[in-house]
Amino acid sequence: MKKQSVTLWLPVLLLAGLLVMLPPQSARADTGPKPTMSFSFIYEINPAAEISSGTLLECTDADCANAAPLQQLGPQHFECSTASCFSMAYGYSDYHRLVLEFSDGVTRQSNIFTKTQFASEYKVTVYADHMQVVELFGGATWPVSGNTFLNLLLGLSFFCLTTAILVILVVLLVKAGNPEATFKSLLGWFIAAWILTIPYVLVSLLLTRGLVTTLAVELLLGALYVGWRKRPAVLVLTVILLLNLVTQPALWLTVSGFSGKYSILTVLFAELVVWLVEAGGLFLAQRKTIRFGEALLVSFALNAASFGIGLLLPF
């Protein structure tokens, strides 16, 4: 094997090894949203007590005979203020129970409850000696406010921006293979792509901060790649940018369709599709100078890096 080929494979193999060593329960999709639980409280005792401390028990059986506290693992955690509780996790068990200590000196235990939504909200009624937890239906990750018009406006803006970005991406990929295409003839498309990124990112920040992190990681690695392999920097970095603006929202929508109990096979399949789509885009953009195998390796390295870093982020 040539020395150059070994050098190309080495970082990819290291990233693959890192992913293999990660615990299976941590598997999730890129730097997108993580499942959450939010608890609000009403009191059937007078005076109402404040929350002093608490534990969220995770159970695999309906009787919670094997209950264990939700582990603190990176951003995965359970916390309470004096009036509410919140948890974020890579993936939850099938059944749950709250155990909270209150300022009146009483430790109260809740009923066993389940989670059916990605971002679940619960009403907790506090009685003299126990708590009753009820999941509130109708919640979702998309409505970012209680204002229906604002939600509609944001959704429409996101759709229009994604459509425009997809059109620009297709044009760049088609023209990149044209021998007569020059940087000057494509300059307007490159400028439009980067300008559209600004409102796109601003809108996406209302849904998740993960896109910004994904772009930062993959564009940085992309810059290292074009410098090392002497590839056209503006073209490659613009294509990496546009590909992520199309694939990441699709990935988030797929993942957030689950209640929070990720299927590893589903996540891996979604990641496989993203890897192949982005590899195809990188290849089409440089098809006069590279082979598809190189595009596959670059796409794998970019996605493995953002996936690994995403496991550690608190959003």
Protein backbone atom coordinates (compact mmCIF):
# COMPACT_ATOMS: atom_id res chain seq x y z
CA MET A 1 0.00 0.00 0.00
CA LYS A 2 1.32 3.43 -0.88
CA LYS A 3 2.38 5.76 1.91
CA GLN A 4 -0.22 8.34 0.79
CA SER A 5 -3.02 5.77 1.05
CA VAL A 6 -1.92 4.78 4.56
CA THR A 7 -1.94 8.44 5.58
CA LEU A 8 -5.47 8.85 4.21
CA TRP A 9 -6.80 5.80 6.03
CA LEU A 10 -5.17 6.45 9.42
CA PRO A 11 -7.44 9.26 10.73
CA VAL A 12 -10.52 7.45 9.49
CA LEU A 13 -9.55 4.24 11.29
CA LEU A 14 -8.87 6.17 14.50
CA LEU A 15 -12.31 7.80 14.33
CA ALA A 16 -13.93 4.44 13.62
CA GLY A 17 -12.19 2.96 16.66
CA LEU A 18 -13.49 5.79 18.83
CA LEU A 19 -17.06 5.16 17.73
CA VAL A 20 -16.77 1.42 18.35
CA MET A 21 -15.58 2.04 21.92
CA LEU A 22 -18.50 4.36 22.75
CA PRO A 23 -21.24 2.73 24.87
CA PRO A 24 -24.21 1.52 22.76
CA GLN A 25 -26.73 3.37 24.92
CA SER A 26 -25.07 6.62 23.91
CA ALA A 27 -25.85 6.17 20.23
CA ARG A 28 -27.73 9.09 18.77
CA ALA A 29 -27.68 11.18 15.66
CA ASP A 30 -25.00 13.82 15.19
CA THR A 31 -25.30 17.02 17.19
CA GLY A 32 -29.06 17.10 17.01
CA PRO A 33 -31.55 17.27 19.90
CA LYS A 34 -31.58 14.80 22.79
CA PRO A 35 -34.76 13.42 24.42
CA THR A 36 -35.95 15.37 27.45
CA MET A 37 -38.47 15.30 30.32
CA SER A 38 -39.86 18.44 31.96
CA PHE A 39 -41.87 18.28 35.20
CA SER A 40 -44.15 21.00 36.55
CA PHE A 41 -45.81 20.74 39.96
CA ILE A 42 -49.17 21.49 41.53
CA TYR A 43 -49.80 20.94 45.23
CA GLU A 44 -52.66 19.39 47.13
CA ILE A 45 -50.98 20.27 50.43
CA ASN A 46 -51.03 23.58 52.26
CA PRO A 47 -48.64 25.24 52.50
CA ALA A 48 -46.95 24.11 49.27
CA ALA A 49 -43.46 22.72 49.90
CA GLU A 50 -40.33 23.38 47.87
CA ILE A 51 -38.26 20.64 46.23
CA SER A 52 -35.00 20.00 48.09
CA SER A 53 -33.54 17.17 46.00
CA GLY A 54 -34.66 14.35 43.81
CA THR A 55 -33.96 11.25 41.73
CA LEU A 56 -35.40 9.97 38.47
CA LEU A 57 -35.53 6.18 38.59
CA GLU A 58 -35.25 4.25 35.34
CA CYS A 59 -36.83 0.80 35.04
CA THR A 60 -36.97 -1.88 32.38
CA ASP A 61 -40.02 -3.63 33.88
CA ALA A 62 -43.52 -2.33 34.60
CA ASP A 63 -43.17 -2.95 38.36
CA CYS A 64 -39.90 -1.01 38.60
CA ALA A 65 -38.40 -3.91 40.52
CA ASN A 66 -34.98 -3.17 39.01
CA ALA A 67 -35.12 0.62 39.41
CA ALA A 68 -31.84 2.56 39.10
CA PRO A 69 -31.20 6.32 39.09
CA LEU A 70 -30.67 7.98 35.72
CA GLN A 71 -26.90 8.12 35.28
CA GLN A 72 -25.00 11.37 35.05
CA LEU A 73 -23.19 10.83 31.75
CA GLY A 74 -21.85 13.90 29.98
CA PRO A 75 -24.89 16.13 29.43
CA GLN A 76 -27.25 13.32 30.47
CA HIS A 77 -28.66 14.32 33.84
CA PHE A 78 -31.64 14.90 36.12
CA GLU A 79 -31.97 18.12 38.10
CA CYS A 80 -34.54 20.00 40.15
CA SER A 81 -35.03 23.61 41.16
CA THR A 82 -37.28 24.47 44.08
CA ALA A 83 -40.36 24.35 41.84
CA SER A 84 -39.64 22.14 38.80
CA CYS A 85 -37.52 19.26 37.53
CA PHE A 86 -35.87 18.49 34.19
CA SER A 87 -33.91 15.65 32.63
CA MET A 88 -32.00 15.10 29.39
CA ALA A 89 -30.74 11.73 28.21
CA TYR A 90 -29.25 9.90 25.26
CA GLY A 91 -32.07 7.38 25.68
CA TYR A 92 -34.55 6.52 28.42
CA SER A 93 -35.77 3.20 29.80
CA ASP A 94 -39.34 2.03 29.25
CA TYR A 95 -40.61 3.02 32.71
CA HIS A 96 -39.84 5.80 35.19
CA ARG A 97 -40.51 6.90 38.77
CA LEU A 98 -39.79 10.14 40.63
CA VAL A 99 -38.49 10.19 44.20
CA LEU A 100 -38.27 13.72 45.63
CA GLU A 101 -37.41 15.17 49.00
CA PHE A 102 -39.33 18.32 49.96
CA SER A 103 -38.70 21.20 52.34
CA ASP A 104 -41.37 19.86 54.72
CA GLY A 105 -39.06 16.91 55.42
CA VAL A 106 -41.18 14.34 53.55
CA THR A 107 -39.73 12.16 50.78
CA ARG A 108 -42.47 11.36 48.27
CA GLN A 109 -42.52 8.70 45.56
CA SER A 110 -44.54 8.90 42.37
CA ASN A 111 -46.48 6.36 40.38
CA ILE A 112 -44.67 4.48 37.61
CA PHE A 113 -45.03 6.37 34.30
CA THR A 114 -43.90 6.12 30.68
CA LYS A 115 -42.59 8.49 28.00
CA THR A 116 -44.33 8.74 24.62
CA GLN A 117 -42.91 11.94 23.13
CA PHE A 118 -39.44 13.14 22.22
CA ALA A 119 -39.69 16.22 24.46
CA SER A 120 -42.16 15.06 27.10
CA GLU A 121 -43.87 17.38 29.56
CA TYR A 122 -45.44 16.11 32.78
CA LYS A 123 -47.80 17.46 35.43
CA VAL A 124 -46.89 16.27 38.91
CA THR A 125 -49.56 16.51 41.62
CA VAL A 126 -48.07 16.48 45.11
CA TYR A 127 -50.15 14.91 47.89
CA ALA A 128 -49.41 14.46 51.59
CA ASP A 129 -47.53 11.19 51.16
CA HIS A 130 -47.08 10.58 47.42
CA MET A 131 -47.04 12.14 43.92
CA GLN A 132 -49.05 11.49 40.78
CA VAL A 133 -47.27 12.02 37.44
CA VAL A 134 -49.30 12.50 34.24
CA GLU A 135 -47.79 13.10 30.80
CA LEU A 136 -49.21 16.09 28.95
CA PHE A 137 -49.96 15.25 25.33
CA GLY A 138 -49.61 17.61 22.41
CA GLY A 139 -46.04 18.64 23.11
CA ALA A 140 -43.40 18.34 20.39
CA THR A 141 -39.95 19.62 19.49
CA TRP A 142 -41.16 21.82 16.64
CA PRO A 143 -43.50 24.42 18.19
CA VAL A 144 -40.92 26.88 19.50
CA SER A 145 -43.50 29.21 21.05
CA GLY A 146 -47.15 29.33 21.98
CA ASN A 147 -47.79 31.68 19.08
CA THR A 148 -49.25 29.71 16.17
CA PHE A 149 -48.50 32.48 13.65
CA LEU A 150 -44.85 32.64 14.75
CA ASN A 151 -44.50 28.86 14.49
CA LEU A 152 -46.03 28.95 10.99
CA LEU A 153 -43.74 31.80 9.94
CA LEU A 154 -40.63 30.03 11.21
CA GLY A 155 -41.67 26.77 9.55
CA LEU A 156 -42.33 28.49 6.23
CA SER A 157 -39.02 30.37 6.43
CA PHE A 158 -37.13 27.18 7.18
CA PHE A 159 -38.79 25.38 4.26
CA CYS A 160 -38.09 28.22 1.79
CA LEU A 161 -34.47 28.55 2.87
CA THR A 162 -33.92 24.78 2.62
CA THR A 163 -35.45 24.74 -0.87
CA ALA A 164 -33.27 27.64 -2.06
CA ILE A 165 -30.15 25.99 -0.61
CA LEU A 166 -30.99 22.68 -2.28
CA VAL A 167 -31.38 24.46 -5.65
CA ILE A 168 -27.99 26.18 -5.25
CA LEU A 169 -26.37 22.88 -4.24
CA VAL A 170 -27.74 21.09 -7.33
CA VAL A 171 -26.54 23.92 -9.62
CA LEU A 172 -23.04 23.85 -8.13
CA LEU A 173 -22.79 20.06 -8.38
CA VAL A 174 -23.94 20.09 -12.03
CA LYS A 175 -21.71 22.98 -13.09
CA ALA A 176 -18.66 21.64 -11.24
CA GLY A 177 -18.36 18.88 -13.83
CA ASN A 178 -18.58 21.23 -16.80
CA PRO A 179 -15.12 21.79 -18.33
CA GLU A 180 -16.15 25.33 -19.31
CA ALA A 181 -17.22 26.31 -15.79
CA THR A 182 -14.84 28.71 -14.06
CA PHE A 183 -14.74 30.21 -10.61
CA LYS A 184 -15.88 33.53 -12.06
CA SER A 185 -18.95 31.98 -13.69
CA LEU A 186 -19.93 30.31 -10.40
CA LEU A 187 -19.05 33.22 -8.13
CA GLY A 188 -22.65 34.43 -7.76
CA TRP A 189 -23.82 30.98 -6.69
CA PHE A 190 -21.08 30.72 -4.05
CA ILE A 191 -21.94 34.15 -2.67
CA ALA A 192 -25.66 33.30 -2.58
CA ALA A 193 -24.92 30.06 -0.72
CA TRP A 194 -22.99 31.74 2.09
CA ILE A 195 -25.44 34.65 2.37
CA LEU A 196 -28.40 32.26 2.70
CA THR A 197 -26.53 30.42 5.46
CA ILE A 198 -26.93 33.39 7.83
CA PRO A 199 -30.77 33.48 8.07
CA TYR A 200 -30.87 29.68 7.87
CA VAL A 201 -28.65 29.31 10.93
CA LEU A 202 -30.58 32.00 12.81
CA VAL A 203 -33.87 30.18 12.21
CA SER A 204 -32.36 26.79 13.11
CA LEU A 205 -30.99 28.16 16.40
CA LEU A 206 -34.58 28.38 17.63
CA LEU A 207 -34.81 24.60 17.23
CA THR A 208 -31.35 23.38 18.18
CA ARG A 209 -27.80 24.69 18.54
CA GLY A 210 -26.48 21.43 17.13
CA LEU A 211 -26.31 22.65 13.54
CA VAL A 212 -23.76 25.35 14.38
CA THR A 213 -21.52 22.79 16.08
CA THR A 214 -21.86 20.35 13.20
CA LEU A 215 -20.93 23.05 10.69
CA ALA A 216 -17.96 24.21 12.78
CA VAL A 217 -16.56 20.67 13.12
CA GLU A 218 -17.08 19.60 9.52
CA LEU A 219 -15.93 22.87 7.93
CA LEU A 220 -12.76 22.84 10.06
CA LEU A 221 -11.98 19.26 9.03
CA GLY A 222 -12.92 20.14 5.46
CA ALA A 223 -10.42 23.01 5.49
CA LEU A 224 -7.72 20.62 6.70
CA TYR A 225 -8.67 18.20 3.94
CA VAL A 226 -8.51 20.76 1.11
CA GLY A 227 -5.18 22.07 2.39
CA TRP A 228 -3.70 18.59 2.66
CA ARG A 229 -5.04 17.21 -0.65
CA LYS A 230 -4.81 20.50 -2.60
CA ARG A 231 -8.51 20.57 -3.45
CA PRO A 232 -10.50 23.66 -4.54
CA ALA A 233 -11.24 25.23 -1.15
CA VAL A 234 -14.24 27.43 -2.01
CA LEU A 235 -16.02 24.66 -3.89
CA VAL A 236 -15.41 21.90 -1.33
CA LEU A 237 -16.23 23.99 1.74
CA THR A 238 -19.38 25.40 0.13
CA VAL A 239 -20.54 21.90 -0.78
CA ILE A 240 -19.86 20.64 2.77
CA LEU A 241 -21.84 23.60 4.10
CA LEU A 242 -24.82 23.09 1.79
CA LEU A 243 -24.91 19.32 2.23
CA ASN A 244 -25.18 19.73 6.00
CA LEU A 245 -27.93 22.32 5.66
CA VAL A 246 -29.96 19.70 3.80
CA THR A 247 -29.05 16.44 5.57
CA GLN A 248 -29.03 17.61 9.19
CA PRO A 249 -32.64 18.90 9.36
CA ALA A 250 -33.78 15.66 7.70
CA LEU A 251 -31.81 13.70 10.30
CA TRP A 252 -33.27 15.73 13.19
CA LEU A 253 -36.83 15.19 11.94
CA THR A 254 -36.19 11.45 11.67
CA VAL A 255 -34.67 11.20 15.14
CA SER A 256 -37.22 13.43 16.89
CA GLY A 257 -39.98 11.21 15.58
CA PHE A 258 -39.05 8.71 18.28
CA SER A 259 -40.26 8.98 21.87
CA GLY A 260 -36.69 9.11 23.15
CA LYS A 261 -35.90 5.39 23.08
CA TYR A 262 -33.57 5.29 20.11
CA SER A 263 -33.25 2.16 18.07
CA ILE A 264 -29.53 1.77 17.40
CA LEU A 265 -30.23 0.14 14.04
CA THR A 266 -32.45 3.06 13.02
CA VAL A 267 -29.82 5.61 14.03
CA LEU A 268 -27.08 3.69 12.22
CA PHE A 269 -29.23 3.42 9.09
CA ALA A 270 -29.93 7.17 9.17
CA GLU A 271 -26.22 7.88 9.60
CA LEU A 272 -25.43 5.52 6.71
CA VAL A 273 -27.82 7.44 4.42
CA VAL A 274 -26.28 10.79 5.44
CA TRP A 275 -22.76 9.42 4.90
CA LEU A 276 -23.58 8.18 1.40
CA VAL A 277 -25.48 11.33 0.39
CA GLU A 278 -22.66 13.60 1.54
CA ALA A 279 -20.05 11.35 -0.08
CA GLY A 280 -22.01 11.56 -3.34
CA GLY A 281 -22.08 15.34 -3.13
CA LEU A 282 -18.34 15.59 -2.44
CA PHE A 283 -17.62 13.27 -5.35
CA LEU A 284 -19.85 15.13 -7.83
CA ALA A 285 -18.27 18.44 -6.84
CA GLN A 286 -14.76 17.10 -7.56
CA ARG A 287 -15.46 14.31 -10.01
CA LYS A 288 -12.82 15.57 -12.44
CA THR A 289 -10.06 15.11 -9.86
CA ILE A 290 -10.98 12.45 -7.27
CA ARG A 291 -12.37 8.94 -7.03
CA PHE A 292 -15.53 7.98 -5.20
CA GLY A 293 -13.51 6.04 -2.63
CA GLU A 294 -11.82 9.23 -1.45
CA ALA A 295 -15.18 10.99 -1.18
CA LEU A 296 -16.48 8.09 0.94
CA LEU A 297 -13.51 8.34 3.31
CA VAL A 298 -13.77 12.12 3.67
CA SER A 299 -17.52 11.97 4.30
CA PHE A 300 -16.99 9.22 6.87
CA ALA A 301 -14.35 11.24 8.72
CA LEU A 302 -16.53 14.37 8.79
CA ASN A 303 -19.63 12.56 10.04
CA ALA A 304 -17.76 10.41 12.54
CA ALA A 305 -16.21 13.53 14.07
CA SER A 306 -19.51 15.42 14.40
CA PHE A 307 -21.24 12.29 15.69
CA GLY A 308 -18.58 11.71 18.36
CA ILE A 309 -18.53 15.33 19.52
CA GLY A 310 -22.32 15.42 19.51
CA LEU A 311 -22.40 12.71 22.18
CA LEU A 312 -20.84 15.17 24.63
CA LEU A 313 -22.91 18.27 23.91
CA PRO A 314 -25.70 19.42 26.24
CA PHE A 315 -28.23 20.02 23.41
